[in-house]
Amino acid sequence: MSYAAHTSYQTSAVRATPRHLKKNMASPHVSMKRGKVGNGAAHAAYVHGHGKYADRDDVRAVIDGNLPNWAADAGQFFTAADKHERKNGRAYLEVEAAIPREAPDPVTWAKEFAGRVVGERFAYRLAVHDRAASDGGRNVHMHLMFSDRPTDGGHYDAERFFKRNGSKKDRDWNRRDKVADVRSIFEQQVQTYAPTFTLYEPPQVAPEPKIGPALPGAGWRYEQTRRARLDQVEALRAQRRLEQAAELGRDAIPKPSGLIDLSTDLRAALAERGTKEQTYEQRRAEF
């Protein structure tokens, strides 16, 4: 079952001429998020512009799809997810993406993209929003919230559907490279209207190594390893700053290591390192 709440776009058969990357859309981006139990119904209402969000004027289309028989709409579906999913579990996944300004019909573009992401197996709510962008153009984007429990299996009622003996979650959504798959689909979809578009692909970044506590009596080898790990953490965080800036479509340079936004523990460790330089060299000389 599916429905469109409202649409306000006129379809055109003419494709616009591709423009520079930053003009393809207000901010070229696609992201994937997870929604906790208790937030499903509220988020479904938010993207719909329903209930306490009824005063928002940027909602251009809302489409629900792949719903089980017991759900009249996606709002009811995600309300049931909040109620019956396990405590502290996941009520929904969401893909948020910018829609290229070249697309003559943003709603059709969003439906095509959503179909490539979730297919016909997973219940979803798709919302297209359109508001003014800071560059004077339009910020057209979409929210695709969906369940990772397939609806093409058994005919369960609302309660059992979300239980372990009901519709089992598709583990494919837990793959580490699933986000990369979605990004690739997004890039291909944009290129249907803007052939020169490429989405910045951040390199894989290793997890931060554990620094370890300061142990004055541990010896110079321990201190040497600890210093090396501090340097690794600084480099990793600088790299992440670059990725975040690129994801937002902005130019940025990494801050010097002394200006990186650090946690309290790491900040203290770096300060401590400066006071131990001389002691470290003296201990090393003893060997």
Protein backbone atom coordinates (compact mmCIF):
# COMPACT_ATOMS: atom_id res chain seq x y z
CA MET A 1 0.00 0.00 0.00
CA SER A 2 1.29 3.47 -0.77
CA TYR A 3 0.02 6.99 -1.05
CA ALA A 4 1.24 10.48 -1.88
CA ALA A 5 0.28 13.09 0.69
CA HIS A 6 0.74 15.97 -1.70
CA THR A 7 2.94 17.02 -4.59
CA SER A 8 3.53 20.42 -6.12
CA TYR A 9 5.98 19.87 -8.98
CA GLN A 10 5.28 20.01 -12.69
CA THR A 11 7.09 17.36 -14.71
CA SER A 12 9.21 18.58 -17.60
CA ALA A 13 10.81 16.55 -20.38
CA VAL A 14 13.75 18.93 -20.70
CA ARG A 15 16.96 18.26 -18.81
CA ALA A 16 18.98 21.19 -17.60
CA THR A 17 22.59 21.65 -18.68
CA PRO A 18 24.97 20.19 -16.06
CA ARG A 19 26.55 22.84 -13.90
CA HIS A 20 29.53 22.95 -11.55
CA LEU A 21 29.42 20.45 -8.69
CA LYS A 22 28.44 22.99 -6.04
CA LYS A 23 25.53 24.20 -8.20
CA ASN A 24 24.10 20.72 -8.83
CA MET A 25 22.45 20.96 -5.44
CA ALA A 26 22.54 23.18 -2.37
CA SER A 27 24.95 20.80 -0.62
CA PRO A 28 25.87 17.54 -2.39
CA HIS A 29 25.40 14.91 0.26
CA VAL A 30 23.94 11.55 1.12
CA SER A 31 23.94 10.08 4.61
CA MET A 32 22.61 7.02 6.38
CA LYS A 33 21.31 7.11 9.94
CA ARG A 34 19.77 4.79 12.51
CA GLY A 35 16.72 5.66 14.57
CA LYS A 36 16.24 4.29 18.06
CA VAL A 37 13.05 2.77 19.40
CA GLY A 38 10.82 5.58 20.65
CA ASN A 39 11.74 7.95 17.82
CA GLY A 40 10.06 6.21 14.89
CA ALA A 41 6.57 7.70 15.06
CA ALA A 42 7.87 11.19 15.84
CA HIS A 43 10.30 11.15 12.94
CA ALA A 44 7.65 9.84 10.56
CA ALA A 45 5.46 12.79 11.58
CA TYR A 46 8.37 15.22 11.21
CA VAL A 47 9.26 14.28 7.63
CA HIS A 48 5.53 14.24 6.77
CA GLY A 49 4.85 17.65 8.29
CA HIS A 50 2.07 16.14 10.38
CA GLY A 51 0.76 16.73 13.91
CA LYS A 52 2.89 19.24 15.78
CA TYR A 53 4.94 19.72 12.59
CA ALA A 54 1.91 20.68 10.49
CA ASP A 55 3.05 24.31 10.25
CA ARG A 56 6.13 23.54 8.15
CA ASP A 57 5.76 24.62 4.52
CA ASP A 58 8.67 22.82 2.86
CA VAL A 59 7.07 19.37 2.43
CA ARG A 60 6.38 18.75 -1.26
CA ALA A 61 5.54 15.04 -1.32
CA VAL A 62 5.10 12.12 1.06
CA ILE A 63 4.91 8.57 -0.23
CA ASP A 64 4.56 5.35 1.79
CA GLY A 65 5.31 1.97 0.31
CA ASN A 66 5.76 -1.77 0.90
CA LEU A 67 3.55 -1.69 3.99
CA PRO A 68 2.17 -4.86 5.60
CA ASN A 69 -1.60 -5.36 5.57
CA TRP A 70 -2.04 -4.26 9.18
CA ALA A 71 -0.52 -0.78 8.61
CA ALA A 72 -2.73 1.88 7.02
CA ASP A 73 0.26 4.17 6.57
CA ALA A 74 3.91 4.46 7.56
CA GLY A 75 3.01 6.51 10.62
CA GLN A 76 1.09 3.53 12.00
CA PHE A 77 3.91 1.19 10.98
CA PHE A 78 6.64 3.10 12.83
CA THR A 79 4.37 3.63 15.83
CA ALA A 80 4.15 -0.16 16.04
CA ALA A 81 7.93 -0.39 15.69
CA ASP A 82 8.33 1.90 18.71
CA LYS A 83 5.94 -0.28 20.68
CA HIS A 84 7.08 -3.78 19.75
CA GLU A 85 10.78 -3.60 18.87
CA ARG A 86 13.09 -4.64 21.69
CA LYS A 87 14.06 -1.99 24.21
CA ASN A 88 17.04 0.09 23.09
CA GLY A 89 16.68 -1.45 19.63
CA ARG A 90 16.46 0.16 16.21
CA ALA A 91 13.08 1.36 14.97
CA TYR A 92 14.16 2.49 11.51
CA LEU A 93 16.98 3.34 9.16
CA GLU A 94 17.08 6.57 7.18
CA VAL A 95 18.80 7.76 4.04
CA GLU A 96 18.86 11.52 3.62
CA ALA A 97 20.04 12.85 0.27
CA ALA A 98 20.16 16.04 -1.77
CA ILE A 99 18.22 16.05 -5.04
CA PRO A 100 19.98 17.62 -8.04
CA ARG A 101 18.50 20.83 -9.35
CA GLU A 102 18.81 19.42 -12.86
CA ALA A 103 16.10 16.85 -12.12
CA PRO A 104 12.93 18.12 -13.89
CA ASP A 105 10.72 16.28 -11.40
CA PRO A 106 12.33 15.91 -7.94
CA VAL A 107 9.58 13.58 -6.71
CA THR A 108 10.12 11.13 -9.55
CA TRP A 109 13.87 11.32 -8.98
CA ALA A 110 13.40 10.57 -5.27
CA LYS A 111 11.06 7.64 -6.00
CA GLU A 112 13.57 6.15 -8.43
CA PHE A 113 16.40 6.49 -5.91
CA ALA A 114 14.29 5.04 -3.10
CA GLY A 115 13.35 2.09 -5.28
CA ARG A 116 17.00 1.33 -5.93
CA VAL A 117 17.78 1.44 -2.21
CA VAL A 118 14.91 -0.52 -0.63
CA GLY A 119 13.30 -2.28 -3.58
CA GLU A 120 9.94 -3.90 -2.82
CA ARG A 121 10.90 -5.66 0.41
CA PHE A 122 11.04 -3.00 3.12
CA ALA A 123 8.32 -0.69 4.42
CA TYR A 124 9.22 2.95 3.96
CA ARG A 125 8.18 6.58 4.11
CA LEU A 126 9.66 8.87 1.49
CA ALA A 127 9.39 12.64 1.91
CA VAL A 128 10.61 15.35 -0.46
CA HIS A 129 11.37 18.75 1.08
CA ASP A 130 12.08 21.98 -0.79
CA ARG A 131 13.18 25.24 0.79
CA ALA A 132 15.35 28.23 -0.06
CA ALA A 133 19.10 27.66 -0.08
CA SER A 134 21.78 30.10 1.03
CA ASP A 135 23.05 30.51 -2.56
CA GLY A 136 19.69 31.82 -3.75
CA GLY A 137 18.62 28.54 -5.33
CA ARG A 138 16.52 25.72 -3.92
CA ASN A 139 17.55 23.19 -1.28
CA VAL A 140 15.64 20.14 -2.50
CA HIS A 141 16.28 16.97 -0.55
CA MET A 142 14.65 13.73 0.49
CA HIS A 143 14.21 11.62 3.60
CA LEU A 144 13.80 7.88 3.14
CA MET A 145 13.02 6.16 6.44
CA PHE A 146 12.48 2.43 6.33
CA SER A 147 12.53 -0.79 8.32
CA ASP A 148 15.17 -3.47 7.86
CA ARG A 149 12.51 -6.13 8.49
CA PRO A 150 11.19 -7.37 5.12
CA THR A 151 7.46 -7.32 4.50
CA ASP A 152 7.51 -9.97 1.76
CA GLY A 153 7.54 -12.94 4.12
CA GLY A 154 4.93 -14.33 6.51
CA HIS A 155 1.66 -12.59 7.27
CA TYR A 156 2.38 -11.53 10.85
CA ASP A 157 0.33 -9.20 12.97
CA ALA A 158 1.82 -5.93 14.19
CA GLU A 159 3.19 -7.34 17.44
CA ARG A 160 4.79 -10.48 16.08
CA PHE A 161 6.21 -8.70 13.02
CA PHE A 162 8.79 -6.93 15.19
CA LYS A 163 9.65 -9.93 17.38
CA ARG A 164 12.51 -12.37 16.95
CA ASN A 165 10.11 -15.07 15.76
CA GLY A 166 8.51 -12.68 13.29
CA SER A 167 10.03 -10.91 10.31
CA LYS A 168 13.77 -11.30 10.83
CA LYS A 169 15.97 -8.28 10.19
CA ASP A 170 17.97 -8.40 7.00
CA ARG A 171 21.61 -8.52 8.10
CA ASP A 172 22.73 -7.03 4.82
CA TRP A 173 21.96 -3.60 6.31
CA ASN A 174 24.62 -4.26 8.97
CA ARG A 175 27.47 -4.66 6.50
CA ARG A 176 30.26 -2.14 6.95
CA ASP A 177 30.29 -1.34 3.25
CA LYS A 178 26.52 -0.85 3.02
CA VAL A 179 26.92 2.92 3.32
CA ALA A 180 29.35 2.80 0.40
CA ASP A 181 26.72 0.93 -1.62
CA VAL A 182 24.14 3.63 -0.93
CA ARG A 183 26.62 6.37 -1.84
CA SER A 184 27.34 4.60 -5.13
CA ILE A 185 23.61 4.34 -5.94
CA PHE A 186 23.22 8.05 -5.15
CA GLU A 187 26.11 9.03 -7.42
CA GLN A 188 24.74 6.95 -10.30
CA GLN A 189 21.27 8.41 -9.82
CA VAL A 190 22.56 12.00 -9.87
CA GLN A 191 24.59 11.29 -13.00
CA THR A 192 21.39 10.52 -14.92
CA TYR A 193 20.78 14.29 -14.92
CA ALA A 194 24.26 15.68 -14.22
CA PRO A 195 26.76 13.38 -16.00
CA THR A 196 29.82 15.22 -14.68
CA PHE A 197 28.84 14.80 -11.03
CA THR A 198 31.14 12.83 -8.74
CA LEU A 199 30.62 12.39 -5.04
CA TYR A 200 33.65 12.79 -2.82
CA GLU A 201 34.57 9.38 -1.43
CA PRO A 202 36.39 9.65 1.90
CA PRO A 203 39.20 7.17 2.46
CA GLN A 204 38.76 4.47 5.06
CA VAL A 205 40.02 5.68 8.41
CA ALA A 206 41.32 3.27 11.02
CA PRO A 207 39.88 3.44 14.55
CA GLU A 208 41.79 5.52 17.06
CA PRO A 209 44.41 3.52 18.97
CA LYS A 210 44.17 3.40 22.73
CA ILE A 211 46.65 5.80 24.29
CA GLY A 212 46.90 4.28 27.72
CA PRO A 213 47.37 6.07 31.04
CA ALA A 214 50.48 7.96 32.03
CA LEU A 215 52.70 5.60 34.07
CA PRO A 216 55.85 7.37 35.27
CA GLY A 217 57.50 4.13 36.31
CA ALA A 218 56.70 2.14 33.19
CA GLY A 219 59.95 2.86 31.38
CA TRP A 220 60.90 4.71 28.26
CA ARG A 221 59.66 2.02 25.84
CA TYR A 222 56.11 2.36 27.16
CA GLU A 223 56.35 6.14 26.92
CA GLN A 224 57.68 5.91 23.36
CA THR A 225 54.71 3.75 22.29
CA ARG A 226 52.31 6.09 24.02
CA ARG A 227 53.77 9.12 22.24
CA ALA A 228 53.45 7.40 18.87
CA ARG A 229 49.79 6.66 19.54
CA LEU A 230 49.15 10.28 20.48
CA ASP A 231 50.54 11.30 17.10
CA GLN A 232 48.31 8.75 15.36
CA VAL A 233 45.20 10.09 17.10
CA GLU A 234 46.07 13.65 16.09
CA ALA A 235 46.52 12.60 12.45
CA LEU A 236 43.27 10.60 12.37
CA ARG A 237 41.24 13.47 13.79
CA ALA A 238 42.74 15.90 11.30
CA GLN A 239 41.77 13.52 8.49
CA ARG A 240 38.21 13.28 9.78
CA ARG A 241 37.95 17.06 9.79
CA LEU A 242 38.81 17.05 6.09
CA GLU A 243 36.19 14.39 5.36
CA GLN A 244 33.47 16.27 7.22
CA ALA A 245 34.32 19.46 5.36
CA ALA A 246 34.24 17.68 2.00
CA GLU A 247 30.91 16.01 2.86
CA LEU A 248 29.40 19.45 3.40
CA GLY A 249 30.80 20.68 0.12
CA ARG A 250 33.06 23.23 1.78
CA ASP A 251 36.76 23.85 1.39
CA ALA A 252 38.70 23.50 4.59
CA ILE A 253 42.17 22.80 5.87
CA PRO A 254 43.02 20.80 8.98
CA LYS A 255 43.80 22.74 12.09
CA PRO A 256 47.34 22.52 13.42
CA SER A 257 47.77 19.66 15.85
CA GLY A 258 47.69 22.03 18.79
CA LEU A 259 44.22 23.26 17.77
CA ILE A 260 42.50 19.94 17.14
CA ASP A 261 39.34 19.55 19.17
CA LEU A 262 40.40 16.92 21.66
CA SER A 263 38.72 15.11 24.50
CA THR A 264 39.68 16.05 28.03
CA ASP A 265 41.87 12.98 28.45
CA LEU A 266 43.75 13.48 25.22
CA ARG A 267 44.16 17.21 25.82
CA ALA A 268 45.72 16.47 29.19
CA ALA A 269 47.93 13.80 27.65
CA LEU A 270 49.26 16.19 25.02
CA ALA A 271 49.99 18.83 27.63
CA GLU A 272 51.76 16.25 29.71
CA ARG A 273 53.84 15.14 26.75
CA GLY A 274 55.38 18.55 26.38
CA THR A 275 56.63 18.52 29.96
CA LYS A 276 58.15 15.06 29.60
CA GLU A 277 60.28 15.58 26.49
CA GLN A 278 63.48 16.16 28.40
CA THR A 279 62.83 13.33 30.87
CA TYR A 280 62.14 10.94 28.01
CA GLU A 281 65.46 11.71 26.29
CA GLN A 282 67.34 11.32 29.55
CA ARG A 283 65.79 7.91 30.22
CA ARG A 284 66.55 6.75 26.72
CA ALA A 285 70.18 7.81 27.09
CA GLU A 286 70.48 5.55 30.12
CA PHE A 287 70.04 2.56 27.80
